Amino acid sequence: MTLDPIRLRLLKLIQLKKTDLKNASLAIGRNPAYLQQFLYRGTPKVLPEDVRESLGAVLGVSPDDLRHPVTRMLKRPLASPDRRGPPGAAKSARTGRLWEKRIEVPEGFTSVPEIDVRASAGAGALHDGPESIAGAWLFPEPMLRHELRVRPGDLRVITIQGDSMEPLLASGDRILVDLSQRVPAPPGIFVIWDGLGVVAKRVEHVPDVDPPTLRLSSVNPAYQSYERSAEEVNVIGRVIWVARRM
């Protein structure tokens, strides 16, 4: 693929630091192939905020130096629901923007972005990157704060595809993923990049194994469990909630 200006800048910064893609990936807590995939396979399309912050610290630059223009466009709508509407607006509404569309966020609710990538619950599928925003879901703030105990900025909604997690998760289900929970302790259902694609699996550490290894399991008995070294797996976040059409 043709490298865009951000990818070219990242490559130059890594060369100036006299390191390589593998060591830079490990330095930011990702699998050894993370930056290789970002540069040459377009996965993810843009660097997530936490990755940019880590890379900035490693390479000695501002995280904004590694921000794609599209990220600036997307970040503004996600923060906008906190802005109050004009005095004449209905008392139950706040004004937000998403993809240049005007939306009304009711008082007491929070907007959570839905990502335009299907988490394959089957054998795995290539993805275009987890930061392509397709829309937004509204969640009651008390539900997020008191029941799920999460921060809205850490949440993404993703659609399940495949049957390997049935009956727990079915194809077409929307899942709420907490990006801040990336360590499978305790074990649970996570959205991960397993080296082949984005998948939803039960993830747990394999005890007493060197190097550290993860066991990736399906709920559907027709699918076998498999293992990957922790370096090969990019844990995106823990699944904490699901919505399903009856």
C-alpha atoms as a PDB file:
ATOM      1  CA  MET A   1       0.000   0.000   0.000  1.00  0.00           C
ATOM      2  CA  THR A   2       1.058   3.629  -0.516  1.00  0.00           C
ATOM      3  CA  LEU A   3       2.169   5.179   2.754  1.00  0.00           C
ATOM      4  CA  ASP A   4       0.289   8.313   3.779  1.00  0.00           C
ATOM      5  CA  PRO A   5       2.101  11.266   5.437  1.00  0.00           C
ATOM      6  CA  ILE A   6       1.493   9.982   8.982  1.00  0.00           C
ATOM      7  CA  ARG A   7       2.868   6.528   8.176  1.00  0.00           C
ATOM      8  CA  LEU A   8       5.880   8.061   6.450  1.00  0.00           C
ATOM      9  CA  ARG A   9       6.471  10.308   9.473  1.00  0.00           C
ATOM     10  CA  LEU A  10       6.262   7.344  11.840  1.00  0.00           C
ATOM     11  CA  LEU A  11       8.702   5.332   9.753  1.00  0.00           C
ATOM     12  CA  LYS A  12      11.166   8.234   9.692  1.00  0.00           C
ATOM     13  CA  LEU A  13      10.877   8.755  13.473  1.00  0.00           C
ATOM     14  CA  ILE A  14      11.576   5.076  14.109  1.00  0.00           C
ATOM     15  CA  GLN A  15      14.642   5.247  11.862  1.00  0.00           C
ATOM     16  CA  LEU A  16      15.887   8.369  13.643  1.00  0.00           C
ATOM     17  CA  LYS A  17      15.552   6.554  16.980  1.00  0.00           C
ATOM     18  CA  LYS A  18      17.706   3.752  15.528  1.00  0.00           C
ATOM     19  CA  THR A  19      15.120   1.136  16.404  1.00  0.00           C
ATOM     20  CA  ASP A  20      12.786  -1.026  14.326  1.00  0.00           C
ATOM     21  CA  LEU A  21       9.080  -1.743  13.983  1.00  0.00           C
ATOM     22  CA  LYS A  22       9.164  -4.841  16.186  1.00  0.00           C
ATOM     23  CA  ASN A  23      10.928  -3.188  19.131  1.00  0.00           C
ATOM     24  CA  ALA A  24       8.810  -0.053  18.830  1.00  0.00           C
ATOM     25  CA  SER A  25       5.659  -2.209  18.898  1.00  0.00           C
ATOM     26  CA  LEU A  26       6.842  -4.022  22.008  1.00  0.00           C
ATOM     27  CA  ALA A  27       7.801  -0.720  23.654  1.00  0.00           C
ATOM     28  CA  ILE A  28       4.182   0.474  23.453  1.00  0.00           C
ATOM     29  CA  GLY A  29       2.820  -2.791  24.824  1.00  0.00           C
ATOM     30  CA  ARG A  30       1.533  -4.236  21.544  1.00  0.00           C
ATOM     31  CA  ASN A  31       2.316  -7.444  19.673  1.00  0.00           C
ATOM     32  CA  PRO A  32       5.573  -7.438  17.646  1.00  0.00           C
ATOM     33  CA  ALA A  33       3.772  -7.064  14.303  1.00  0.00           C
ATOM     34  CA  TYR A  34       1.460  -4.196  15.332  1.00  0.00           C
ATOM     35  CA  LEU A  35       3.311  -1.323  13.618  1.00  0.00           C
ATOM     36  CA  GLN A  36       4.226  -3.500  10.630  1.00  0.00           C
ATOM     37  CA  GLN A  37       0.502  -4.150  10.100  1.00  0.00           C
ATOM     38  CA  PHE A  38      -0.343  -0.485  10.587  1.00  0.00           C
ATOM     39  CA  LEU A  39       2.233   0.687   8.053  1.00  0.00           C
ATOM     40  CA  TYR A  40       1.912  -1.889   5.308  1.00  0.00           C
ATOM     41  CA  ARG A  41      -1.513  -3.508   5.761  1.00  0.00           C
ATOM     42  CA  GLY A  42      -3.515  -0.507   6.884  1.00  0.00           C
ATOM     43  CA  THR A  43      -4.567  -2.182  10.144  1.00  0.00           C
ATOM     44  CA  PRO A  44      -5.718  -0.130  11.966  1.00  0.00           C
ATOM     45  CA  LYS A  45      -6.580   2.668   9.557  1.00  0.00           C
ATOM     46  CA  VAL A  46      -5.566   5.286  12.115  1.00  0.00           C
ATOM     47  CA  LEU A  47      -3.663   4.969  15.368  1.00  0.00           C
ATOM     48  CA  PRO A  48      -5.877   4.932  18.483  1.00  0.00           C
ATOM     49  CA  GLU A  49      -5.294   7.693  21.002  1.00  0.00           C
ATOM     50  CA  ASP A  50      -3.584   5.451  23.575  1.00  0.00           C
ATOM     51  CA  VAL A  51      -1.166   4.155  20.932  1.00  0.00           C
ATOM     52  CA  ARG A  52      -0.310   7.682  19.796  1.00  0.00           C
ATOM     53  CA  GLU A  53       0.390   8.708  23.373  1.00  0.00           C
ATOM     54  CA  SER A  54       2.661   5.711  23.943  1.00  0.00           C
ATOM     55  CA  LEU A  55       4.468   6.200  20.631  1.00  0.00           C
ATOM     56  CA  GLY A  56       4.927   9.899  21.355  1.00  0.00           C
ATOM     57  CA  ALA A  57       6.657   9.050  24.622  1.00  0.00           C
ATOM     58  CA  VAL A  58       8.853   6.402  22.973  1.00  0.00           C
ATOM     59  CA  LEU A  59       9.791   8.532  19.955  1.00  0.00           C
ATOM     60  CA  GLY A  60      10.012  11.876  21.749  1.00  0.00           C
ATOM     61  CA  VAL A  61       7.255  13.663  19.838  1.00  0.00           C
ATOM     62  CA  SER A  62       3.791  14.991  20.556  1.00  0.00           C
ATOM     63  CA  PRO A  63       0.952  12.446  20.070  1.00  0.00           C
ATOM     64  CA  ASP A  64      -0.666  15.008  17.756  1.00  0.00           C
ATOM     65  CA  ASP A  65       2.260  14.535  15.351  1.00  0.00           C
ATOM     66  CA  LEU A  66       0.918  11.024  14.695  1.00  0.00           C
ATOM     67  CA  ARG A  67      -2.748  11.972  14.394  1.00  0.00           C
ATOM     68  CA  HIS A  68      -4.474  11.518  11.047  1.00  0.00           C
ATOM     69  CA  PRO A  69      -6.711  14.403   9.908  1.00  0.00           C
ATOM     70  CA  VAL A  70      -9.737  12.068  10.027  1.00  0.00           C
ATOM     71  CA  THR A  71      -9.107  11.501  13.746  1.00  0.00           C
ATOM     72  CA  ARG A  72      -9.464  15.205  14.424  1.00  0.00           C
ATOM     73  CA  MET A  73     -12.806  15.167  12.612  1.00  0.00           C
ATOM     74  CA  LEU A  74     -14.046  12.187  14.634  1.00  0.00           C
ATOM     75  CA  LYS A  75     -12.875  13.319  18.067  1.00  0.00           C
ATOM     76  CA  ARG A  76     -14.902  16.528  17.981  1.00  0.00           C
ATOM     77  CA  PRO A  77     -18.303  14.824  17.640  1.00  0.00           C
ATOM     78  CA  LEU A  78     -17.528  12.320  20.421  1.00  0.00           C
ATOM     79  CA  ALA A  79     -16.796  15.107  22.903  1.00  0.00           C
ATOM     80  CA  SER A  80     -19.654  17.354  21.817  1.00  0.00           C
ATOM     81  CA  PRO A  81     -22.539  15.765  23.791  1.00  0.00           C
ATOM     82  CA  ASP A  82     -21.233  17.512  26.918  1.00  0.00           C
ATOM     83  CA  ARG A  83     -22.047  20.915  25.417  1.00  0.00           C
ATOM     84  CA  ARG A  84     -25.305  22.431  26.569  1.00  0.00           C
ATOM     85  CA  GLY A  85     -27.853  23.548  24.032  1.00  0.00           C
ATOM     86  CA  PRO A  86     -29.144  27.110  23.754  1.00  0.00           C
ATOM     87  CA  PRO A  87     -31.372  28.461  26.543  1.00  0.00           C
ATOM     88  CA  GLY A  88     -34.450  28.066  24.373  1.00  0.00           C
ATOM     89  CA  ALA A  89     -33.881  24.372  23.746  1.00  0.00           C
ATOM     90  CA  ALA A  90     -35.988  21.681  25.378  1.00  0.00           C
ATOM     91  CA  LYS A  91     -34.801  21.066  28.929  1.00  0.00           C
ATOM     92  CA  SER A  92     -34.263  17.345  28.210  1.00  0.00           C
ATOM     93  CA  ALA A  93     -31.903  17.820  25.268  1.00  0.00           C
ATOM     94  CA  ARG A  94     -28.249  18.545  24.665  1.00  0.00           C
ATOM     95  CA  THR A  95     -26.805  19.228  21.253  1.00  0.00           C
ATOM     96  CA  GLY A  96     -24.187  16.999  19.630  1.00  0.00           C
ATOM     97  CA  ARG A  97     -22.783  16.418  16.162  1.00  0.00           C
ATOM     98  CA  LEU A  98     -21.851  13.224  14.362  1.00  0.00           C
ATOM     99  CA  TRP A  99     -20.647  13.133  10.768  1.00  0.00           C
ATOM    100  CA  GLU A 100     -21.927  16.643  10.184  1.00  0.00           C
ATOM    101  CA  LYS A 101     -25.431  15.597  11.312  1.00  0.00           C
ATOM    102  CA  ARG A 102     -27.231  17.274  14.178  1.00  0.00           C
ATOM    103  CA  ILE A 103     -28.388  14.850  16.861  1.00  0.00           C
ATOM    104  CA  GLU A 104     -30.177  15.448  20.121  1.00  0.00           C
ATOM    105  CA  VAL A 105     -28.680  13.746  23.195  1.00  0.00           C
ATOM    106  CA  PRO A 106     -31.270  13.676  25.996  1.00  0.00           C
ATOM    107  CA  GLU A 107     -30.275  14.877  29.434  1.00  0.00           C
ATOM    108  CA  GLY A 108     -28.834  12.028  31.473  1.00  0.00           C
ATOM    109  CA  PHE A 109     -27.619  10.047  28.447  1.00  0.00           C
ATOM    110  CA  THR A 110     -24.164   9.572  26.897  1.00  0.00           C
ATOM    111  CA  SER A 111     -23.257   8.942  23.269  1.00  0.00           C
ATOM    112  CA  VAL A 112     -21.105   5.859  22.549  1.00  0.00           C
ATOM    113  CA  PRO A 113     -19.678   5.394  19.020  1.00  0.00           C
ATOM    114  CA  GLU A 114     -20.498   2.327  16.954  1.00  0.00           C
ATOM    115  CA  ILE A 115     -17.504   1.032  14.999  1.00  0.00           C
ATOM    116  CA  ASP A 116     -17.914   0.045  11.361  1.00  0.00           C
ATOM    117  CA  VAL A 117     -16.166  -3.297  11.671  1.00  0.00           C
ATOM    118  CA  ARG A 118     -17.722  -6.692  12.317  1.00  0.00           C
ATOM    119  CA  ALA A 119     -16.125  -8.688  15.100  1.00  0.00           C
ATOM    120  CA  SER A 120     -16.083 -12.127  13.555  1.00  0.00           C
ATOM    121  CA  ALA A 121     -17.282 -14.764  15.995  1.00  0.00           C
ATOM    122  CA  GLY A 122     -16.245 -17.407  13.496  1.00  0.00           C
ATOM    123  CA  ALA A 123     -12.831 -18.358  12.209  1.00  0.00           C
ATOM    124  CA  GLY A 124     -11.680 -14.746  11.887  1.00  0.00           C
ATOM    125  CA  ALA A 125     -11.930 -12.012   9.281  1.00  0.00           C
ATOM    126  CA  LEU A 126      -9.694  -9.255   8.024  1.00  0.00           C
ATOM    127  CA  HIS A 127     -10.787  -5.812   9.117  1.00  0.00           C
ATOM    128  CA  ASP A 128     -10.258  -2.253   7.988  1.00  0.00           C
ATOM    129  CA  GLY A 129      -9.377  -0.905  11.414  1.00  0.00           C
ATOM    130  CA  PRO A 130     -11.346  -0.413  14.604  1.00  0.00           C
ATOM    131  CA  GLU A 131     -11.729   3.363  14.413  1.00  0.00           C
ATOM    132  CA  SER A 132     -14.175   3.813  11.504  1.00  0.00           C
ATOM    133  CA  ILE A 133     -17.216   5.319  13.211  1.00  0.00           C
ATOM    134  CA  ALA A 134     -20.573   4.352  11.710  1.00  0.00           C
ATOM    135  CA  GLY A 135     -22.960   5.912  14.198  1.00  0.00           C
ATOM    136  CA  ALA A 136     -23.703   6.352  17.886  1.00  0.00           C
ATOM    137  CA  TRP A 137     -25.714   4.676  20.639  1.00  0.00           C
ATOM    138  CA  LEU A 138     -27.250   6.492  23.588  1.00  0.00           C
ATOM    139  CA  PHE A 139     -26.810   4.944  27.042  1.00  0.00           C
ATOM    140  CA  PRO A 140     -28.209   6.206  30.372  1.00  0.00           C
ATOM    141  CA  GLU A 141     -25.363   7.711  32.368  1.00  0.00           C
ATOM    142  CA  PRO A 142     -26.415   5.946  35.626  1.00  0.00           C
ATOM    143  CA  MET A 143     -26.254   2.587  33.822  1.00  0.00           C
ATOM    144  CA  LEU A 144     -22.685   3.202  32.670  1.00  0.00           C
ATOM    145  CA  ARG A 145     -21.532   4.718  35.949  1.00  0.00           C
ATOM    146  CA  HIS A 146     -23.238   2.505  38.525  1.00  0.00           C
ATOM    147  CA  GLU A 147     -24.143  -0.782  36.831  1.00  0.00           C
ATOM    148  CA  LEU A 148     -21.323  -1.287  34.334  1.00  0.00           C
ATOM    149  CA  ARG A 149     -18.849   0.959  36.196  1.00  0.00           C
ATOM    150  CA  VAL A 150     -17.126   2.193  33.032  1.00  0.00           C
ATOM    151  CA  ARG A 151     -16.038   5.472  31.499  1.00  0.00           C
ATOM    152  CA  PRO A 152     -17.952   6.452  28.326  1.00  0.00           C
ATOM    153  CA  GLY A 153     -14.729   7.374  26.521  1.00  0.00           C
ATOM    154  CA  ASP A 154     -13.504   3.775  26.846  1.00  0.00           C
ATOM    155  CA  LEU A 155     -16.551   2.256  25.140  1.00  0.00           C
ATOM    156  CA  ARG A 156     -17.276   1.124  21.580  1.00  0.00           C
ATOM    157  CA  VAL A 157     -20.222  -0.747  20.054  1.00  0.00           C
ATOM    158  CA  ILE A 158     -19.333  -3.535  17.577  1.00  0.00           C
ATOM    159  CA  THR A 159     -21.465  -6.000  15.602  1.00  0.00           C
ATOM    160  CA  ILE A 160     -20.895  -9.755  15.952  1.00  0.00           C
ATOM    161  CA  GLN A 161     -20.640 -11.924  12.848  1.00  0.00           C
ATOM    162  CA  GLY A 162     -20.559 -15.734  12.842  1.00  0.00           C
ATOM    163  CA  ASP A 163     -21.815 -18.515  15.083  1.00  0.00           C
ATOM    164  CA  SER A 164     -18.791 -19.679  17.089  1.00  0.00           C
ATOM    165  CA  MET A 165     -19.973 -17.869  20.239  1.00  0.00           C
ATOM    166  CA  GLU A 166     -23.575 -19.090  20.079  1.00  0.00           C
ATOM    167  CA  PRO A 167     -25.730 -19.247  22.089  1.00  0.00           C
ATOM    168  CA  LEU A 168     -23.966 -16.593  24.179  1.00  0.00           C
ATOM    169  CA  LEU A 169     -23.402 -14.234  21.230  1.00  0.00           C
ATOM    170  CA  ALA A 170     -25.240 -14.557  17.913  1.00  0.00           C
ATOM    171  CA  SER A 171     -24.485 -13.116  14.510  1.00  0.00           C
ATOM    172  CA  GLY A 172     -25.925  -9.606  14.331  1.00  0.00           C
ATOM    173  CA  ASP A 173     -25.695  -8.955  18.067  1.00  0.00           C
ATOM    174  CA  ARG A 174     -24.344  -5.566  19.111  1.00  0.00           C
ATOM    175  CA  ILE A 175     -21.762  -5.788  21.872  1.00  0.00           C
ATOM    176  CA  LEU A 176     -20.412  -3.062  24.124  1.00  0.00           C
ATOM    177  CA  VAL A 177     -16.633  -3.290  24.435  1.00  0.00           C
ATOM    178  CA  ASP A 178     -14.610  -1.668  27.225  1.00  0.00           C
ATOM    179  CA  LEU A 179     -11.270  -0.706  25.665  1.00  0.00           C
ATOM    180  CA  SER A 180      -9.705  -0.074  29.069  1.00  0.00           C
ATOM    181  CA  GLN A 181      -9.964  -3.765  30.008  1.00  0.00           C
ATOM    182  CA  ARG A 182      -7.275  -5.501  27.988  1.00  0.00           C
ATOM    183  CA  VAL A 183      -5.898  -7.998  30.500  1.00  0.00           C
ATOM    184  CA  PRO A 184      -7.800 -11.330  30.668  1.00  0.00           C
ATOM    185  CA  ALA A 185      -7.668 -11.567  34.456  1.00  0.00           C
ATOM    186  CA  PRO A 186     -10.217 -12.783  35.259  1.00  0.00           C
ATOM    187  CA  PRO A 187     -10.903 -14.680  32.021  1.00  0.00           C
ATOM    188  CA  GLY A 188     -13.841 -13.455  29.974  1.00  0.00           C
ATOM    189  CA  ILE A 189     -15.177 -12.619  26.534  1.00  0.00           C
ATOM    190  CA  PHE A 190     -12.916 -10.203  24.675  1.00  0.00           C
ATOM    191  CA  VAL A 191     -12.649  -8.665  21.232  1.00  0.00           C
ATOM    192  CA  ILE A 192      -9.137  -9.355  19.971  1.00  0.00           C
ATOM    193  CA  TRP A 193      -6.899  -9.297  16.921  1.00  0.00           C
ATOM    194  CA  ASP A 194      -5.529 -12.851  16.794  1.00  0.00           C
ATOM    195  CA  GLY A 195      -3.111 -12.340  13.894  1.00  0.00           C
ATOM    196  CA  LEU A 196      -5.710 -13.140  11.230  1.00  0.00           C
ATOM    197  CA  GLY A 197      -8.640 -10.931  12.064  1.00  0.00           C
ATOM    198  CA  VAL A 198     -10.865  -9.323  14.667  1.00  0.00           C
ATOM    199  CA  VAL A 199     -12.650 -12.018  16.670  1.00  0.00           C
ATOM    200  CA  ALA A 200     -14.766 -12.315  19.791  1.00  0.00           C
ATOM    201  CA  LYS A 201     -13.514 -15.165  21.983  1.00  0.00           C
ATOM    202  CA  ARG A 202     -13.249 -16.303  25.553  1.00  0.00           C
ATOM    203  CA  VAL A 203      -9.676 -15.430  26.548  1.00  0.00           C
ATOM    204  CA  GLU A 204      -7.657 -16.807  29.438  1.00  0.00           C
ATOM    205  CA  HIS A 205      -3.995 -17.129  30.352  1.00  0.00           C
ATOM    206  CA  VAL A 206      -2.440 -20.589  30.073  1.00  0.00           C
ATOM    207  CA  PRO A 207      -0.756 -21.182  33.462  1.00  0.00           C
ATOM    208  CA  ASP A 208       2.913 -22.088  33.860  1.00  0.00           C
ATOM    209  CA  VAL A 209       3.851 -21.559  30.221  1.00  0.00           C
ATOM    210  CA  ASP A 210       6.829 -19.606  28.894  1.00  0.00           C
ATOM    211  CA  PRO A 211       6.476 -17.452  26.845  1.00  0.00           C
ATOM    212  CA  PRO A 212       3.113 -16.178  28.167  1.00  0.00           C
ATOM    213  CA  THR A 213       0.316 -17.804  26.188  1.00  0.00           C
ATOM    214  CA  LEU A 214      -3.403 -17.164  25.780  1.00  0.00           C
ATOM    215  CA  ARG A 215      -6.082 -19.768  25.164  1.00  0.00           C
ATOM    216  CA  LEU A 216      -8.820 -18.550  22.794  1.00  0.00           C
ATOM    217  CA  SER A 217     -12.071 -20.473  23.087  1.00  0.00           C
ATOM    218  CA  SER A 218     -15.492 -20.516  21.462  1.00  0.00           C
ATOM    219  CA  VAL A 219     -18.800 -21.249  23.162  1.00  0.00           C
ATOM    220  CA  ASN A 220     -20.112 -23.304  20.228  1.00  0.00           C
ATOM    221  CA  PRO A 221     -18.670 -26.839  20.679  1.00  0.00           C
ATOM    222  CA  ALA A 222     -18.298 -27.175  16.909  1.00  0.00           C
ATOM    223  CA  TYR A 223     -15.269 -24.856  17.110  1.00  0.00           C
ATOM    224  CA  GLN A 224     -11.982 -25.910  18.670  1.00  0.00           C
ATOM    225  CA  SER A 225      -9.999 -23.788  21.093  1.00  0.00           C
ATOM    226  CA  TYR A 226      -6.570 -22.613  20.023  1.00  0.00           C
ATOM    227  CA  GLU A 227      -3.586 -20.928  21.636  1.00  0.00           C
ATOM    228  CA  ARG A 228      -1.487 -17.901  20.706  1.00  0.00           C
ATOM    229  CA  SER A 229       1.480 -16.334  22.422  1.00  0.00           C
ATOM    230  CA  ALA A 230       0.553 -13.141  24.240  1.00  0.00           C
ATOM    231  CA  GLU A 231       2.801 -11.201  21.831  1.00  0.00           C
ATOM    232  CA  GLU A 232       0.747 -12.386  18.851  1.00  0.00           C
ATOM    233  CA  VAL A 233      -2.589 -11.227  20.260  1.00  0.00           C
ATOM    234  CA  ASN A 234      -3.806  -7.646  20.425  1.00  0.00           C
ATOM    235  CA  VAL A 235      -6.556  -7.564  23.051  1.00  0.00           C
ATOM    236  CA  ILE A 236      -8.879  -4.729  22.032  1.00  0.00           C
ATOM    237  CA  GLY A 237     -11.275  -4.834  24.979  1.00  0.00           C
ATOM    238  CA  ARG A 238     -13.624  -6.835  27.201  1.00  0.00           C
ATOM    239  CA  VAL A 239     -17.246  -7.447  26.168  1.00  0.00           C
ATOM    240  CA  ILE A 240     -19.479  -6.123  28.958  1.00  0.00           C
ATOM    241  CA  TRP A 241     -22.971  -5.884  27.426  1.00  0.00           C
ATOM    242  CA  VAL A 242     -24.950  -7.226  24.471  1.00  0.00           C
ATOM    243  CA  ALA A 243     -28.061  -6.131  22.557  1.00  0.00           C
ATOM    244  CA  ARG A 244     -30.041  -8.638  20.495  1.00  0.00           C
ATOM    245  CA  ARG A 245     -33.042  -8.490  18.233  1.00  0.00           C
ATOM    246  CA  MET A 246     -35.748 -10.952  19.362  1.00  0.00           C
END
